[in-house]
Amino acid sequence: MIWATGFLIFWRRRQAEIAYQWNTLDMEPIEEIRSTFKGQLHRSPVTGKLEVYYPNWKRLLFRLLVTIPMIGINIMLVSFVILLIIRFQSWIDRQLKIGRLPHLMSLTEFLPKILLALVTTIFSDIYKRIARWLTNQENYREQRVHDDQMIAKLFACSCVNSYFSVFYIAFFTHKYIRLSHQLTTIFVMKQFWGNIKEAIIPYIISNTHLSVLIQMSKKGRIRYAERKDLNKELKRILDEWENSKLNTTKQRKDNHDYTTKAVDDILTDNSLHHRSSTSTFETLSLSQAEIECSQPKWTDLYEDYLEMVVQFGYIIFLSTLFPLAAFFSLLNNLIEIRTDAFKLCMIYQRPFSQRVKDIGQWQIIMEYMVYAAIIINCIFCSTRGVFRRLIPDLPFGGEIFVLVCIEHALILFCKIIRSSFEEVPYWVRIEKAKMEYRRRQALKKLECDTLLHRKDSRCHAPNE
């Protein structure tokens, strides 16, 4: 918990340094109106102009009747499926223990673990689509409010989807070896499926689309070249025919026969030339701008932030039960860095940058996750009998009292650590103070120059 608190403090300070270097530290958020915001025209009481207005009661009604029931149904559905898979795992363990399954069938022990990792990953993708649709239907005016609601829905669903199976095994079955195997499977399968979904599948689709465009471009250029040559030859023939209009009827007839025969010969020669000629890729390939325009657009950063926050939860929630979570997270991040670089450079279009001063709602979520991790780890220590081994004669009520005292003490200690460090580093505060001092000095100088100019103008006025 001390590491998690120190990590968040370090991140806030590092965030302030980067924001100062990019000149976004003191930036006031601009209320951007979403382009998809819809409603009825209403005269604004502030500006007196017609503006798009959507009543809050409609949004509240949609959230009560549609959003909350859909999220609740999805959470119950994934919880039911996870419980079935866990029960299936328990049944396989019992069959292996009593020897009813053959020796070769012992490999089925890993089947529920792999199935659970795949199910949670698939449900996570479904939740993201549902959360996007619900947030769009709620029709928020400002982009900031839209982002906050989207983050809240994604995080709520991902918490159940990612942590329910782990907490059920830890709190109810108390099979910590199975928990370690399950977490290892989750880390490996999520990394494997994440790379396939985020990099390999979009890369194959993008290359297939690009190859189709290149073939279409080749065919189009070949047709254009054929039509251009044909038009030139026809123009030459028609010019000759126009020049020979003053000849005799016999000559005109001969010219007409010659024209018809020449056009037929040209069409035949062009078709034969098209069959025999082979165009090179360099002369008929798409330009770099055309290739980049054909790539899909970068959507948003919800999934990237959510992946890191869920991984942060695995580390701090299960630090007492699965210390290798930190190692797997480090390995995952090393691979993820290269995967994201590959996506940005090879698959998607270059995204437009947005000026922000922090990571917004995700920072608050991680701070609350630290407090939740303190409570969860204290409960883990209680269920594993740590307090009873320290104090053998401790009754159940006394154990609960000790647990609550330790939990409150740790939360208070984390708050003290947070309050002991400034969110903005010292050198950043000094640089900001220098900039403020120079600004005030420049303002005083401007005021003095303005007063002197007014006095000079008044002195020259009577003389004139």
Protein backbone atom coordinates (compact mmCIF):
# COMPACT_ATOMS: atom_id res chain seq x y z
CA MET A 1 0.00 0.00 0.00
CA ILE A 2 2.91 2.32 0.67
CA TRP A 3 4.20 1.55 -2.83
CA ALA A 4 0.81 2.33 -4.39
CA THR A 5 0.55 5.62 -2.52
CA GLY A 6 4.11 6.55 -3.47
CA PHE A 7 3.43 5.62 -7.08
CA LEU A 8 0.43 7.94 -7.25
CA ILE A 9 2.39 10.76 -5.61
CA PHE A 10 5.26 10.30 -8.04
CA TRP A 11 2.85 10.22 -10.95
CA ARG A 12 1.18 13.48 -9.87
CA ARG A 13 4.56 15.20 -9.60
CA ARG A 14 5.78 13.80 -12.92
CA GLN A 15 2.47 14.78 -14.49
CA ALA A 16 2.91 18.35 -13.26
CA GLU A 17 6.43 18.49 -14.74
CA ILE A 18 5.23 17.29 -18.16
CA ALA A 19 2.24 19.66 -18.04
CA TYR A 20 4.55 22.59 -17.27
CA GLN A 21 6.89 21.69 -20.14
CA TRP A 22 3.91 21.52 -22.53
CA ASN A 23 2.41 24.71 -21.08
CA THR A 24 -0.82 23.03 -19.95
CA LEU A 25 -0.37 23.13 -16.15
CA ASP A 26 -2.60 26.18 -15.58
CA MET A 27 -4.84 25.53 -18.54
CA GLU A 28 -8.51 26.03 -17.84
CA PRO A 29 -10.72 23.29 -19.29
CA ILE A 30 -12.79 24.51 -22.22
CA GLU A 31 -16.36 23.25 -22.27
CA GLU A 32 -16.46 21.68 -25.71
CA ILE A 33 -19.91 20.92 -27.11
CA ARG A 34 -20.04 17.44 -28.60
CA SER A 35 -20.70 17.27 -32.31
CA THR A 36 -23.25 14.46 -31.79
CA PHE A 37 -25.22 16.39 -29.16
CA LYS A 38 -28.83 16.66 -30.25
CA GLY A 39 -32.00 18.25 -28.92
CA GLN A 40 -34.47 21.02 -29.52
CA LEU A 41 -33.71 24.67 -30.18
CA HIS A 42 -34.11 26.77 -27.06
CA ARG A 43 -33.35 30.42 -26.40
CA SER A 44 -30.48 30.73 -23.95
CA PRO A 45 -31.20 32.96 -20.92
CA VAL A 46 -27.52 34.01 -20.88
CA THR A 47 -26.78 34.88 -24.51
CA GLY A 48 -30.33 35.29 -25.77
CA LYS A 49 -29.49 33.15 -28.83
CA LEU A 50 -31.04 29.91 -29.98
CA GLU A 51 -29.10 26.89 -28.71
CA VAL A 52 -29.62 23.14 -28.76
CA TYR A 53 -31.22 22.08 -25.49
CA TYR A 54 -31.86 18.61 -24.06
CA PRO A 55 -33.86 18.41 -20.79
CA ASN A 56 -32.23 16.71 -17.83
CA TRP A 57 -35.37 14.77 -16.93
CA LYS A 58 -35.18 12.81 -20.18
CA ARG A 59 -31.58 11.87 -19.46
CA LEU A 60 -32.42 10.88 -15.88
CA LEU A 61 -35.40 8.81 -17.07
CA PHE A 62 -33.21 6.98 -19.60
CA ARG A 63 -30.61 6.23 -16.93
CA LEU A 64 -33.22 4.87 -14.51
CA LEU A 65 -35.16 2.79 -17.03
CA VAL A 66 -32.43 1.66 -19.45
CA THR A 67 -28.85 2.28 -18.27
CA ILE A 68 -29.03 0.92 -14.72
CA PRO A 69 -31.12 -2.19 -15.64
CA MET A 70 -28.85 -3.04 -18.58
CA ILE A 71 -25.70 -2.70 -16.52
CA GLY A 72 -27.26 -4.75 -13.73
CA ILE A 73 -28.32 -7.51 -16.13
CA ASN A 74 -24.86 -7.63 -17.68
CA ILE A 75 -23.19 -7.84 -14.28
CA MET A 76 -25.50 -10.64 -13.13
CA LEU A 77 -24.98 -12.51 -16.40
CA VAL A 78 -21.20 -12.44 -16.22
CA SER A 79 -21.30 -13.35 -12.52
CA PHE A 80 -23.51 -16.37 -13.29
CA VAL A 81 -21.23 -17.54 -16.12
CA ILE A 82 -18.12 -17.15 -13.96
CA LEU A 83 -19.74 -19.13 -11.14
CA LEU A 84 -20.61 -21.93 -13.56
CA ILE A 85 -17.01 -22.11 -14.78
CA ILE A 86 -15.69 -22.14 -11.21
CA ARG A 87 -18.08 -24.95 -10.32
CA PHE A 88 -16.96 -26.82 -13.41
CA GLN A 89 -13.36 -26.42 -12.23
CA SER A 90 -14.27 -27.80 -8.79
CA TRP A 91 -16.01 -30.80 -10.38
CA ILE A 92 -12.93 -31.58 -12.53
CA ASP A 93 -10.68 -31.33 -9.45
CA ARG A 94 -12.86 -33.77 -7.53
CA GLN A 95 -12.93 -36.24 -10.43
CA LEU A 96 -9.16 -36.09 -10.77
CA LYS A 97 -8.71 -36.54 -7.04
CA ILE A 98 -10.78 -39.73 -6.84
CA GLY A 99 -9.26 -41.05 -10.08
CA ARG A 100 -12.37 -41.25 -12.23
CA LEU A 101 -10.76 -39.36 -15.11
CA PRO A 102 -8.03 -41.14 -17.11
CA HIS A 103 -4.45 -39.99 -16.84
CA LEU A 104 -4.51 -38.29 -20.22
CA MET A 105 -7.64 -36.41 -19.22
CA SER A 106 -5.71 -34.59 -16.49
CA LEU A 107 -5.01 -31.88 -19.06
CA THR A 108 -8.67 -30.88 -18.75
CA GLU A 109 -7.72 -29.30 -15.42
CA PHE A 110 -6.51 -26.27 -17.39
CA LEU A 111 -9.62 -26.07 -19.57
CA PRO A 112 -11.84 -24.10 -17.11
CA LYS A 113 -9.00 -21.67 -16.38
CA ILE A 114 -8.50 -20.95 -20.08
CA LEU A 115 -12.25 -20.80 -20.61
CA LEU A 116 -12.66 -18.32 -17.76
CA ALA A 117 -9.93 -16.07 -19.13
CA LEU A 118 -11.52 -16.14 -22.60
CA VAL A 119 -15.03 -15.49 -21.24
CA THR A 120 -13.91 -12.48 -19.20
CA THR A 121 -12.09 -11.07 -22.22
CA ILE A 122 -15.10 -11.52 -24.51
CA PHE A 123 -17.49 -10.03 -21.95
CA SER A 124 -15.13 -7.08 -21.57
CA ASP A 125 -15.39 -6.33 -25.29
CA ILE A 126 -19.19 -6.63 -25.13
CA TYR A 127 -19.35 -4.29 -22.14
CA LYS A 128 -17.35 -1.66 -23.99
CA ARG A 129 -19.81 -1.63 -26.86
CA ILE A 130 -22.80 -1.47 -24.50
CA ALA A 131 -21.21 1.32 -22.44
CA ARG A 132 -20.51 3.37 -25.59
CA TRP A 133 -24.09 2.98 -26.79
CA LEU A 134 -25.60 3.86 -23.39
CA THR A 135 -23.41 6.95 -22.98
CA ASN A 136 -24.24 8.15 -26.49
CA GLN A 137 -27.94 7.67 -25.86
CA GLU A 138 -27.75 9.68 -22.65
CA ASN A 139 -26.78 12.61 -24.91
CA TYR A 140 -24.44 14.75 -22.82
CA ARG A 141 -23.67 18.26 -24.02
CA GLU A 142 -20.07 18.65 -22.85
CA GLN A 143 -17.31 16.28 -23.86
CA ARG A 144 -15.88 16.24 -20.32
CA VAL A 145 -19.15 15.01 -18.78
CA HIS A 146 -19.49 12.43 -21.56
CA ASP A 147 -15.98 11.12 -20.84
CA ASP A 148 -16.63 10.92 -17.08
CA GLN A 149 -19.83 8.92 -17.57
CA MET A 150 -18.15 6.63 -20.08
CA ILE A 151 -15.25 5.98 -17.70
CA ALA A 152 -17.62 5.24 -14.80
CA LYS A 153 -19.57 2.66 -16.83
CA LEU A 154 -16.45 0.98 -18.22
CA PHE A 155 -14.78 0.76 -14.83
CA ALA A 156 -17.87 -0.57 -13.05
CA CYS A 157 -18.33 -3.37 -15.57
CA SER A 158 -14.61 -4.15 -15.76
CA CYS A 159 -14.34 -4.47 -11.98
CA VAL A 160 -16.93 -7.24 -11.90
CA ASN A 161 -15.58 -8.85 -15.04
CA SER A 162 -11.93 -8.84 -13.94
CA TYR A 163 -12.04 -9.27 -10.15
CA PHE A 164 -15.18 -11.31 -9.40
CA SER A 165 -13.67 -14.72 -10.11
CA VAL A 166 -10.50 -13.89 -8.21
CA PHE A 167 -12.31 -12.62 -5.13
CA TYR A 168 -14.72 -15.58 -5.15
CA ILE A 169 -11.84 -18.07 -5.16
CA ALA A 170 -10.00 -16.13 -2.45
CA PHE A 171 -12.93 -15.43 -0.09
CA PHE A 172 -15.21 -18.48 -0.52
CA THR A 173 -13.16 -21.43 -1.75
CA HIS A 174 -9.86 -20.46 -0.03
CA LYS A 175 -7.92 -22.43 -2.66
CA TYR A 176 -4.93 -20.13 -3.08
CA ILE A 177 -2.99 -22.48 -5.37
CA ARG A 178 -5.91 -22.43 -7.79
CA LEU A 179 -5.98 -18.63 -7.42
CA SER A 180 -2.32 -18.42 -8.45
CA HIS A 181 -2.95 -20.67 -11.47
CA GLN A 182 -6.04 -18.66 -12.41
CA LEU A 183 -4.21 -15.33 -12.22
CA THR A 184 -1.33 -16.68 -14.27
CA THR A 185 -3.78 -17.88 -16.91
CA ILE A 186 -5.58 -14.51 -16.92
CA PHE A 187 -2.35 -12.58 -17.43
CA VAL A 188 -1.12 -14.88 -20.20
CA MET A 189 -4.46 -15.15 -22.03
CA LYS A 190 -5.24 -11.45 -21.80
CA GLN A 191 -1.83 -10.56 -23.17
CA PHE A 192 -2.17 -13.13 -25.97
CA TRP A 193 -5.72 -12.18 -26.92
CA GLY A 194 -5.02 -8.45 -26.48
CA ASN A 195 -2.17 -8.54 -28.97
CA ILE A 196 -4.28 -10.52 -31.45
CA LYS A 197 -7.28 -8.20 -31.09
CA GLU A 198 -5.40 -4.89 -31.01
CA ALA A 199 -2.57 -5.51 -33.46
CA ILE A 200 -2.74 -8.69 -35.55
CA ILE A 201 -6.41 -8.64 -36.62
CA PRO A 202 -6.43 -4.88 -37.50
CA TYR A 203 -3.12 -5.33 -39.34
CA ILE A 204 -4.53 -8.18 -41.47
CA ILE A 205 -7.72 -6.21 -42.21
CA SER A 206 -5.76 -3.07 -43.06
CA ASN A 207 -3.38 -4.92 -45.39
CA THR A 208 -6.28 -6.73 -47.10
CA HIS A 209 -8.08 -3.44 -47.65
CA LEU A 210 -4.87 -1.86 -48.93
CA SER A 211 -4.19 -4.70 -51.38
CA VAL A 212 -7.72 -4.36 -52.76
CA LEU A 213 -7.21 -0.63 -53.25
CA ILE A 214 -3.87 -1.22 -55.00
CA GLN A 215 -5.45 -3.72 -57.40
CA MET A 216 -8.26 -1.29 -58.12
CA SER A 217 -5.70 1.46 -58.68
CA LYS A 218 -3.77 -0.74 -61.13
CA LYS A 219 -6.90 -1.53 -63.11
CA GLY A 220 -7.93 2.10 -63.16
CA ARG A 221 -4.58 3.31 -64.41
CA ILE A 222 -4.46 0.65 -67.13
CA ARG A 223 -7.92 1.66 -68.33
CA TYR A 224 -6.98 5.31 -68.24
CA ALA A 225 -3.84 4.67 -70.31
CA GLU A 226 -5.81 2.64 -72.86
CA ARG A 227 -8.48 5.31 -73.20
CA LYS A 228 -5.88 8.04 -73.51
CA ASP A 229 -4.06 6.26 -76.37
CA LEU A 230 -7.35 5.43 -78.06
CA ASN A 231 -8.58 9.03 -77.81
CA LYS A 232 -5.35 10.35 -79.31
CA GLU A 233 -5.52 7.97 -82.26
CA LEU A 234 -9.21 8.69 -82.86
CA LYS A 235 -8.57 12.42 -82.77
CA ARG A 236 -5.82 12.04 -85.38
CA ILE A 237 -8.05 9.99 -87.65
CA LEU A 238 -10.95 12.39 -87.30
CA ASP A 239 -8.69 15.32 -88.14
CA GLU A 240 -7.54 13.57 -91.29
CA TRP A 241 -11.14 12.80 -92.17
CA GLU A 242 -12.18 16.42 -91.70
CA ASN A 243 -9.34 17.59 -93.94
CA SER A 244 -10.45 15.26 -96.72
CA LYS A 245 -14.10 16.43 -96.79
CA LEU A 246 -13.62 18.43 -100.01
CA ASN A 247 -12.58 15.39 -102.03
CA THR A 248 -14.85 13.44 -104.31
CA THR A 249 -17.54 11.00 -103.23
CA LYS A 250 -15.31 8.12 -104.08
CA GLN A 251 -12.52 9.56 -102.00
CA ARG A 252 -14.94 10.15 -99.11
CA LYS A 253 -16.11 6.55 -99.36
CA ASP A 254 -12.53 5.34 -99.36
CA ASN A 255 -11.74 7.57 -96.39
CA HIS A 256 -14.77 6.22 -94.56
CA ASP A 257 -13.65 2.67 -95.16
CA TYR A 258 -10.14 3.61 -94.09
CA THR A 259 -11.48 5.23 -90.89
CA THR A 260 -13.58 2.21 -89.95
CA LYS A 261 -10.73 -0.17 -90.63
CA ALA A 262 -8.24 2.00 -88.72
CA VAL A 263 -10.49 2.20 -85.64
CA ASP A 264 -10.94 -1.59 -85.67
CA ASP A 265 -7.19 -2.08 -86.00
CA ILE A 266 -6.52 0.29 -83.07
CA LEU A 267 -9.01 -1.48 -80.79
CA THR A 268 -7.49 -4.85 -81.71
CA ASP A 269 -3.94 -3.61 -81.17
CA ASN A 270 -4.82 -2.08 -77.77
CA SER A 271 -6.48 -5.29 -76.55
CA LEU A 272 -3.45 -7.32 -77.66
CA HIS A 273 -1.10 -4.80 -76.10
CA HIS A 274 -3.06 -4.96 -72.80
CA ARG A 275 -2.74 -8.75 -72.73
CA SER A 276 0.97 -8.76 -73.45
CA SER A 277 2.06 -5.83 -71.27
CA THR A 278 2.80 -6.22 -67.53
CA SER A 279 2.71 -3.19 -65.22
CA THR A 280 5.18 -2.89 -62.37
CA PHE A 281 4.16 -2.25 -58.74
CA GLU A 282 6.28 0.91 -58.50
CA THR A 283 4.47 2.62 -61.38
CA LEU A 284 0.96 1.63 -60.30
CA SER A 285 1.12 1.60 -56.46
CA LEU A 286 -0.73 4.04 -54.20
CA SER A 287 0.97 7.13 -52.83
CA GLN A 288 1.88 7.44 -49.14
CA ALA A 289 -0.98 9.89 -48.54
CA GLU A 290 -3.49 7.51 -50.15
CA ILE A 291 -2.20 4.60 -48.06
CA GLU A 292 -2.51 6.58 -44.81
CA CYS A 293 -6.01 7.79 -45.71
CA SER A 294 -7.13 4.19 -46.24
CA GLN A 295 -6.05 3.21 -42.68
CA PRO A 296 -8.67 3.20 -39.88
CA LYS A 297 -8.88 6.15 -37.50
CA TRP A 298 -7.65 5.94 -33.93
CA THR A 299 -10.80 5.78 -31.80
CA ASP A 300 -10.00 6.91 -28.25
CA LEU A 301 -7.93 6.09 -25.18
CA TYR A 302 -10.62 4.50 -23.01
CA GLU A 303 -9.41 0.93 -23.56
CA ASP A 304 -5.74 1.80 -23.03
CA TYR A 305 -6.41 3.61 -19.76
CA LEU A 306 -8.80 0.88 -18.59
CA GLU A 307 -6.25 -1.85 -19.26
CA MET A 308 -3.63 -0.08 -17.14
CA VAL A 309 -6.08 0.66 -14.30
CA VAL A 310 -7.30 -2.96 -14.17
CA GLN A 311 -3.70 -4.13 -14.12
CA PHE A 312 -2.98 -1.69 -11.28
CA GLY A 313 -5.87 -3.28 -9.38
CA TYR A 314 -4.44 -6.79 -9.83
CA ILE A 315 -1.18 -5.60 -8.28
CA ILE A 316 -2.57 -3.81 -5.22
CA PHE A 317 -5.62 -6.02 -4.53
CA LEU A 318 -3.74 -9.33 -4.67
CA SER A 319 -0.31 -8.35 -3.41
CA THR A 320 -0.62 -10.61 -0.35
CA LEU A 321 -1.91 -13.61 -2.32
CA PHE A 322 -0.08 -13.37 -5.64
CA PRO A 323 3.18 -11.40 -5.44
CA LEU A 324 4.06 -12.37 -9.05
CA ALA A 325 1.32 -10.01 -10.29
CA ALA A 326 3.86 -7.19 -10.34
CA PHE A 327 6.30 -9.23 -12.45
CA PHE A 328 3.62 -10.27 -14.95
CA SER A 329 2.43 -6.66 -15.16
CA LEU A 330 5.95 -5.46 -15.92
CA LEU A 331 6.33 -8.11 -18.63
CA ASN A 332 2.93 -7.18 -20.02
CA ASN A 333 3.82 -3.48 -20.16
CA LEU A 334 7.12 -4.12 -21.95
CA ILE A 335 5.24 -5.99 -24.67
CA GLU A 336 2.40 -3.46 -24.67
CA ILE A 337 4.78 -0.57 -25.39
CA ARG A 338 5.94 -2.17 -28.62
CA THR A 339 2.39 -3.26 -29.52
CA ASP A 340 1.06 0.30 -29.14
CA ALA A 341 3.97 1.67 -31.16
CA PHE A 342 3.23 -0.85 -33.91
CA LYS A 343 -0.45 0.18 -33.90
CA LEU A 344 0.35 3.88 -34.14
CA CYS A 345 2.99 3.49 -36.84
CA MET A 346 1.63 0.69 -39.02
CA ILE A 347 -2.13 0.24 -38.56
CA TYR A 348 -4.00 3.40 -37.61
CA GLN A 349 -3.97 6.97 -38.81
CA ARG A 350 -2.00 9.44 -36.77
CA PRO A 351 -4.37 10.71 -34.04
CA PHE A 352 -4.92 14.40 -33.35
CA SER A 353 -3.36 15.58 -30.09
CA GLN A 354 -5.47 17.08 -27.31
CA ARG A 355 -4.15 19.55 -24.75
CA VAL A 356 -4.87 18.35 -21.21
CA LYS A 357 -3.16 18.96 -17.88
CA ASP A 358 -3.75 15.53 -16.26
CA ILE A 359 -5.35 12.14 -16.81
CA GLY A 360 -8.62 13.33 -15.29
CA GLN A 361 -11.02 10.84 -13.75
CA TRP A 362 -8.57 7.93 -13.94
CA GLN A 363 -6.36 9.54 -11.26
CA ILE A 364 -9.29 9.75 -8.83
CA ILE A 365 -10.26 6.14 -9.58
CA MET A 366 -6.75 4.88 -8.77
CA GLU A 367 -6.69 6.83 -5.50
CA TYR A 368 -9.94 5.22 -4.37
CA MET A 369 -8.60 1.84 -5.49
CA VAL A 370 -5.72 2.23 -3.02
CA TYR A 371 -8.19 2.67 -0.14
CA ALA A 372 -10.21 -0.32 -1.35
CA ALA A 373 -7.01 -2.38 -1.59
CA ILE A 374 -6.21 -1.65 2.07
CA ILE A 375 -9.60 -3.01 3.14
CA ILE A 376 -9.38 -6.05 0.85
CA ASN A 377 -5.88 -7.02 1.95
CA CYS A 378 -6.82 -6.67 5.62
CA ILE A 379 -9.75 -9.04 5.01
CA PHE A 380 -7.42 -11.45 3.22
CA CYS A 381 -5.09 -11.44 6.23
CA SER A 382 -8.03 -12.12 8.52
CA THR A 383 -9.40 -15.01 6.45
CA ARG A 384 -5.96 -16.62 6.25
CA GLY A 385 -5.66 -16.54 10.06
CA VAL A 386 -2.80 -14.06 10.35
CA PHE A 387 -4.31 -12.24 13.34
CA ARG A 388 -5.13 -15.50 15.17
CA ARG A 389 -1.59 -16.76 14.72
CA LEU A 390 -0.27 -13.54 16.24
CA ILE A 391 -2.83 -13.56 19.08
CA PRO A 392 -4.04 -17.18 19.60
CA ASP A 393 -6.74 -16.42 22.21
CA LEU A 394 -8.27 -13.58 20.21
CA PRO A 395 -12.08 -13.96 19.88
CA PHE A 396 -13.96 -13.30 16.66
CA GLY A 397 -15.23 -9.91 17.81
CA GLY A 398 -11.73 -8.90 18.85
CA GLU A 399 -10.40 -10.00 15.46
CA ILE A 400 -12.92 -7.76 13.70
CA PHE A 401 -11.93 -4.88 15.98
CA VAL A 402 -8.22 -5.37 15.25
CA LEU A 403 -8.95 -5.59 11.52
CA VAL A 404 -10.89 -2.30 11.55
CA CYS A 405 -8.20 -0.56 13.62
CA ILE A 406 -5.39 -1.70 11.31
CA GLU A 407 -7.41 -0.73 8.23
CA HIS A 408 -8.13 2.77 9.60
CA ALA A 409 -4.52 3.20 10.65
CA LEU A 410 -3.25 2.28 7.18
CA ILE A 411 -5.70 4.63 5.47
CA LEU A 412 -4.67 7.43 7.84
CA PHE A 413 -1.01 6.67 7.18
CA CYS A 414 -1.57 6.84 3.41
CA LYS A 415 -3.35 10.19 3.80
CA ILE A 416 -0.45 11.52 5.87
CA ILE A 417 2.04 10.44 3.22
CA ARG A 418 -0.04 12.11 0.49
CA SER A 419 -0.31 15.36 2.44
CA SER A 420 3.43 15.38 3.16
CA PHE A 421 4.38 15.79 -0.50
CA GLU A 422 3.47 18.63 -2.78
CA GLU A 423 1.67 17.67 -5.97
CA VAL A 424 3.77 20.18 -7.93
CA PRO A 425 7.60 19.86 -7.69
CA TYR A 426 9.63 22.67 -6.13
CA TRP A 427 11.40 23.73 -9.32
CA VAL A 428 8.09 23.93 -11.19
CA ARG A 429 6.68 26.20 -8.48
CA ILE A 430 9.79 28.39 -8.68
CA GLU A 431 9.51 28.68 -12.46
CA LYS A 432 5.83 29.54 -12.18
CA ALA A 433 6.64 32.20 -9.56
CA LYS A 434 9.31 33.66 -11.87
CA MET A 435 6.86 33.80 -14.76
CA GLU A 436 4.26 35.49 -12.54
CA TYR A 437 6.86 38.03 -11.33
CA ARG A 438 7.91 38.86 -14.89
CA ARG A 439 4.28 39.19 -15.93
CA ARG A 440 3.57 41.64 -13.13
CA GLN A 441 6.71 43.61 -13.86
CA ALA A 442 5.75 43.85 -17.52
CA LEU A 443 2.26 44.96 -16.54
CA LYS A 444 3.65 47.68 -14.21
CA LYS A 445 5.99 48.88 -16.94
CA LEU A 446 3.11 49.03 -19.40
CA GLU A 447 1.01 51.05 -16.95
CA CYS A 448 3.91 53.47 -16.31
CA ASP A 449 4.51 53.92 -20.04
CA THR A 450 0.80 54.59 -20.54
CA LEU A 451 0.76 57.24 -17.77
CA LEU A 452 3.88 58.94 -19.16
CA HIS A 453 2.35 58.99 -22.63
CA ARG A 454 -0.82 60.60 -21.27
CA LYS A 455 1.19 63.25 -19.38
CA ASP A 456 3.23 64.06 -22.48
CA SER A 457 0.08 64.37 -24.55
CA ARG A 458 -1.45 66.73 -21.95
CA CYS A 459 1.68 68.88 -21.84
CA HIS A 460 1.79 69.23 -25.62
CA ALA A 461 -1.93 70.02 -25.86
CA PRO A 462 -1.84 73.57 -24.19
CA ASN A 463 1.29 74.50 -26.18
CA GLU A 464 -0.49 73.73 -29.40
